[in-house]
C-alpha atoms as a PDB file:
ATOM      1  CA  MET A   1       5.846  -9.487   0.629  1.00  0.00           C
ATOM      2  CA  PHE A   2       4.093 -10.492  -3.056  1.00  0.00           C
ATOM      3  CA  GLU A   3       5.536 -13.198  -4.987  1.00  0.00           C
ATOM      4  CA  VAL A   4       4.066 -13.672  -8.505  1.00  0.00           C
ATOM      5  CA  ASP A   5       3.649 -17.301  -9.898  1.00  0.00           C
ATOM      6  CA  ALA A   6       5.578 -16.983 -13.257  1.00  0.00           C
ATOM      7  CA  THR A   7       3.102 -19.507 -14.850  1.00  0.00           C
ATOM      8  CA  SER A   8       0.067 -17.848 -13.960  1.00  0.00           C
ATOM      9  CA  ASN A   9      -1.643 -14.611 -15.249  1.00  0.00           C
ATOM     10  CA  ASN A  10      -3.319 -13.818 -11.562  1.00  0.00           C
ATOM     11  CA  HIS A  11      -0.878 -11.578  -9.345  1.00  0.00           C
ATOM     12  CA  PRO A  12      -2.173 -10.405  -5.709  1.00  0.00           C
ATOM     13  CA  ALA A  13      -4.318  -7.171  -6.070  1.00  0.00           C
ATOM     14  CA  LEU A  14      -5.601  -4.552  -4.025  1.00  0.00           C
ATOM     15  CA  THR A  15      -8.788  -2.581  -4.381  1.00  0.00           C
ATOM     16  CA  LEU A  16      -8.388   0.868  -3.239  1.00  0.00           C
ATOM     17  CA  TRP A  17     -11.185   3.062  -2.244  1.00  0.00           C
ATOM     18  CA  GLU A  18     -12.406   6.996  -2.318  1.00  0.00           C
ATOM     19  CA  LYS A  19     -14.712   8.175   0.554  1.00  0.00           C
ATOM     20  CA  THR A  20     -15.488  11.741  -0.114  1.00  0.00           C
ATOM     21  CA  PRO A  21     -18.518  13.604   1.807  1.00  0.00           C
ATOM     22  CA  VAL A  22     -20.258  13.410  -1.723  1.00  0.00           C
ATOM     23  CA  ALA A  23     -19.665   9.879  -2.958  1.00  0.00           C
ATOM     24  CA  SER A  24     -17.464   6.487  -2.672  1.00  0.00           C
ATOM     25  CA  TYR A  25     -15.747   4.714  -5.009  1.00  0.00           C
ATOM     26  CA  LYS A  26     -13.158   1.746  -5.532  1.00  0.00           C
ATOM     27  CA  ALA A  27     -10.826   1.122  -8.308  1.00  0.00           C
ATOM     28  CA  ALA A  28     -10.217  -3.265  -8.124  1.00  0.00           C
ATOM     29  CA  TYR A  29      -7.280  -5.037  -9.517  1.00  0.00           C
ATOM     30  CA  GLY A  30      -4.382  -1.965  -8.016  1.00  0.00           C
ATOM     31  CA  MET A  31      -1.457  -2.964  -7.866  1.00  0.00           C
ATOM     32  CA  VAL A  32       1.600  -0.721  -6.573  1.00  0.00           C
ATOM     33  CA  SER A  33       3.522   0.764  -9.225  1.00  0.00           C
ATOM     34  CA  GLU A  34       6.059   2.895  -7.145  1.00  0.00           C
ATOM     35  CA  LEU A  35       6.856   2.732  -3.503  1.00  0.00           C
ATOM     36  CA  ASN A  36       9.500   5.097  -2.173  1.00  0.00           C
ATOM     37  CA  ILE A  37      10.099   4.882   2.157  1.00  0.00           C
ATOM     38  CA  SER A  38      12.307   7.261   4.014  1.00  0.00           C
ATOM     39  CA  SER A  39      13.315   7.358   7.752  1.00  0.00           C
ATOM     40  CA  GLU A  40      15.358   9.939   9.830  1.00  0.00           C
ATOM     41  CA  SER A  41      16.554   9.254  13.355  1.00  0.00           C
ATOM     42  CA  GLY A  42      13.748  10.930  15.580  1.00  0.00           C
ATOM     43  CA  ASP A  43      10.711  11.487  12.982  1.00  0.00           C
ATOM     44  CA  TRP A  44       8.397   9.567  11.627  1.00  0.00           C
ATOM     45  CA  VAL A  45       8.555   7.144   8.601  1.00  0.00           C
ATOM     46  CA  LYS A  46       7.576   8.866   5.320  1.00  0.00           C
ATOM     47  CA  PHE A  47       6.548   6.741   2.319  1.00  0.00           C
ATOM     48  CA  ASN A  48       4.980   7.637  -1.311  1.00  0.00           C
ATOM     49  CA  ALA A  49       3.253   4.997  -3.239  1.00  0.00           C
ATOM     50  CA  SER A  50       1.837   5.522  -6.555  1.00  0.00           C
ATOM     51  CA  PHE A  51      -1.394   2.657  -7.443  1.00  0.00           C
ATOM     52  CA  MET A  52      -2.135   1.295 -11.333  1.00  0.00           C
ATOM     53  CA  ALA A  53      -5.734   0.297 -10.797  1.00  0.00           C
ATOM     54  CA  LYS A  54      -9.045  -0.645 -13.260  1.00  0.00           C
ATOM     55  CA  THR A  55     -11.121   2.594 -12.990  1.00  0.00           C
ATOM     56  CA  ARG A  56     -12.789   3.755 -10.299  1.00  0.00           C
ATOM     57  CA  ALA A  57     -16.907   2.399 -10.182  1.00  0.00           C
ATOM     58  CA  SER A  58     -19.280   3.825  -7.459  1.00  0.00           C
ATOM     59  CA  ASP A  59     -19.270   2.415  -4.153  1.00  0.00           C
ATOM     60  CA  THR A  60     -21.886   2.580  -1.160  1.00  0.00           C
ATOM     61  CA  ALA A  61     -18.878   0.949   1.318  1.00  0.00           C
ATOM     62  CA  THR A  62     -18.178   2.694   4.645  1.00  0.00           C
ATOM     63  CA  PRO A  63     -14.648   2.681   5.740  1.00  0.00           C
ATOM     64  CA  SER A  64     -13.783   1.674   9.325  1.00  0.00           C
ATOM     65  CA  TYR A  65     -10.936   2.223  11.000  1.00  0.00           C
ATOM     66  CA  SER A  66      -9.001   0.026  13.809  1.00  0.00           C
ATOM     67  CA  THR A  67      -6.833   2.004  16.060  1.00  0.00           C
ATOM     68  CA  GLU A  68      -3.404   3.801  14.648  1.00  0.00           C
ATOM     69  CA  LYS A  69      -0.206   1.707  14.665  1.00  0.00           C
ATOM     70  CA  TYR A  70       2.606   3.908  15.104  1.00  0.00           C
ATOM     71  CA  PHE A  71       5.249   3.464  12.390  1.00  0.00           C
ATOM     72  CA  ARG A  72       8.328   5.528  13.441  1.00  0.00           C
ATOM     73  CA  ALA A  73      12.153   5.129  12.248  1.00  0.00           C
ATOM     74  CA  ARG A  74      12.639   4.339  16.103  1.00  0.00           C
ATOM     75  CA  ASP A  75      10.598   0.991  15.670  1.00  0.00           C
ATOM     76  CA  VAL A  76      12.514  -0.021  12.325  1.00  0.00           C
ATOM     77  CA  ASP A  77      15.730  -1.695  12.144  1.00  0.00           C
ATOM     78  CA  VAL A  78      16.960  -2.153   8.724  1.00  0.00           C
ATOM     79  CA  TYR A  79      20.002  -4.872   7.589  1.00  0.00           C
ATOM     80  CA  LEU A  80      21.654  -4.970   4.266  1.00  0.00           C
ATOM     81  CA  SER A  81      23.375  -8.103   3.311  1.00  0.00           C
ATOM     82  CA  ASP A  82      25.677  -8.815   0.129  1.00  0.00           C
ATOM     83  CA  THR A  83      23.902 -11.877  -0.473  1.00  0.00           C
ATOM     84  CA  GLU A  84      20.497 -12.544  -1.056  1.00  0.00           C
ATOM     85  CA  ALA A  85      18.704 -14.965   1.644  1.00  0.00           C
END
């Protein structure tokens, strides 16, 4: 969860990378502008995300991936409340 300090212009940000066979790019100061999550019983949890960031620039980083973690509907519990904690 990200929280924004109302007294500061500094917000939590992401750096987005794009790696293709031809080149690598990164876009700094990324923010999630829209996030939709859907889940159906017995199916994978699915999401669509839109980001806003600075214009991408060339980069030489090599991405590395850790072990994949499952994100399935059966691993999610959703609780709804009438009041905010």
